[in-house]
Amino acid sequence: MDFDGFGLISVSFPFLVSDVLRRHVVRGTWFASGLIDGDLLPTFSNRSLGVSNDTPNGQCLAVGRVCIVVRDITLTNGVLHVIDQLAIN
């Protein structure tokens, strides 16, 4: 989905955006170097995202079965990782 489509959804269905964000934001501060295969990261939607180093291509650290493509962007209230797709499951 492109950003234009996401923008339309956010205006028409703001609760969907809130739900997607709660599924992607985890509690606590987790730097990539501290993530271990099998860790479970608690989200604000009361679910967990599993950490895996055993991805099909073996080339990425995965959280919720999606690859972290940019790691450890330090923010004033935590750390941000950029993923290559939405972790909807």
Protein backbone atom coordinates (compact mmCIF):
# COMPACT_ATOMS: atom_id res chain seq x y z
CA MET A 1 0.00 0.00 0.00
CA ASP A 2 1.40 3.41 -0.87
CA PHE A 3 1.26 6.44 1.41
CA ASP A 4 -1.63 7.96 -0.57
CA GLY A 5 -3.73 4.90 0.21
CA PHE A 6 -2.68 4.96 3.84
CA GLY A 7 -3.63 8.64 4.04
CA LEU A 8 -7.10 7.86 2.72
CA ILE A 9 -7.51 5.13 5.32
CA SER A 10 -6.31 7.42 8.12
CA VAL A 11 -8.94 10.04 7.25
CA SER A 12 -11.76 7.58 6.66
CA PHE A 13 -10.96 5.06 9.40
CA PRO A 14 -8.69 6.60 12.06
CA PHE A 15 -9.23 3.62 14.38
CA LEU A 16 -7.47 1.41 11.80
CA VAL A 17 -4.37 3.59 11.90
CA SER A 18 -4.39 3.46 15.68
CA ASP A 19 -4.67 -0.34 15.59
CA VAL A 20 -1.79 -0.67 13.10
CA LEU A 21 0.43 1.59 15.21
CA ARG A 22 -0.33 -0.33 18.42
CA ARG A 23 0.72 -3.55 16.65
CA HIS A 24 4.09 -2.03 15.65
CA VAL A 25 5.12 -0.12 18.78
CA VAL A 26 6.65 -2.27 21.50
CA ARG A 27 6.99 -1.60 25.20
CA GLY A 28 10.50 -0.78 26.38
CA THR A 29 13.67 0.17 24.54
CA TRP A 30 15.16 -2.56 22.37
CA PHE A 31 18.42 -1.98 20.51
CA ALA A 32 19.13 -4.46 17.70
CA SER A 33 22.38 -5.63 19.30
CA GLY A 34 20.38 -6.76 22.34
CA LEU A 35 17.79 -8.77 20.43
CA ILE A 36 18.18 -12.53 20.63
CA ASP A 37 16.57 -15.16 18.41
CA GLY A 38 13.37 -16.20 20.18
CA ASP A 39 12.81 -12.95 22.12
CA LEU A 40 9.17 -11.86 22.34
CA LEU A 41 8.60 -8.10 22.27
CA PRO A 42 5.33 -6.96 23.88
CA THR A 43 3.33 -4.52 21.73
CA PHE A 44 0.81 -1.91 22.81
CA SER A 45 -1.92 -4.09 21.28
CA ASN A 46 -1.19 -6.73 23.96
CA ARG A 47 0.40 -9.06 21.41
CA SER A 48 4.00 -10.10 20.99
CA LEU A 49 6.37 -9.79 18.05
CA GLY A 50 8.89 -12.61 17.83
CA VAL A 51 12.55 -11.98 17.02
CA SER A 52 14.20 -14.28 14.51
CA ASN A 53 17.63 -14.58 12.93
CA ASP A 54 16.43 -17.60 10.97
CA THR A 55 14.69 -15.89 8.04
CA PRO A 56 14.17 -17.57 4.65
CA ASN A 57 16.99 -15.59 3.01
CA GLY A 58 19.16 -15.60 6.13
CA GLN A 59 20.08 -11.97 5.50
CA CYS A 60 18.09 -10.05 8.09
CA LEU A 61 17.15 -9.71 11.70
CA ALA A 62 13.39 -10.15 11.69
CA VAL A 63 10.77 -8.93 14.12
CA GLY A 64 7.26 -10.19 13.56
CA ARG A 65 8.53 -11.96 10.40
CA VAL A 66 9.57 -8.70 8.69
CA CYS A 67 13.14 -7.50 8.23
CA ILE A 68 14.66 -4.59 10.10
CA VAL A 69 16.32 -2.57 7.33
CA VAL A 70 17.56 0.39 9.40
CA ARG A 71 18.53 -0.25 13.02
CA ASP A 72 18.88 1.76 16.19
CA ILE A 73 17.68 5.28 15.39
CA THR A 74 17.91 6.84 18.84
CA LEU A 75 14.98 9.05 19.85
CA THR A 76 14.37 11.06 23.01
CA ASN A 77 11.79 8.50 24.18
CA GLY A 78 13.30 5.26 22.89
CA VAL A 79 14.71 3.70 19.75
CA LEU A 80 13.26 3.30 16.25
CA HIS A 81 13.86 0.52 13.74
CA VAL A 82 12.66 0.72 10.14
CA ILE A 83 11.05 -2.44 8.79
CA ASP A 84 10.52 -3.46 5.17
CA GLN A 85 6.76 -4.10 5.42
CA LEU A 86 3.86 -4.01 7.86
CA ALA A 87 3.78 -6.70 10.52
CA ILE A 88 0.02 -7.24 10.40
CA ASN A 89 -0.23 -10.84 11.66
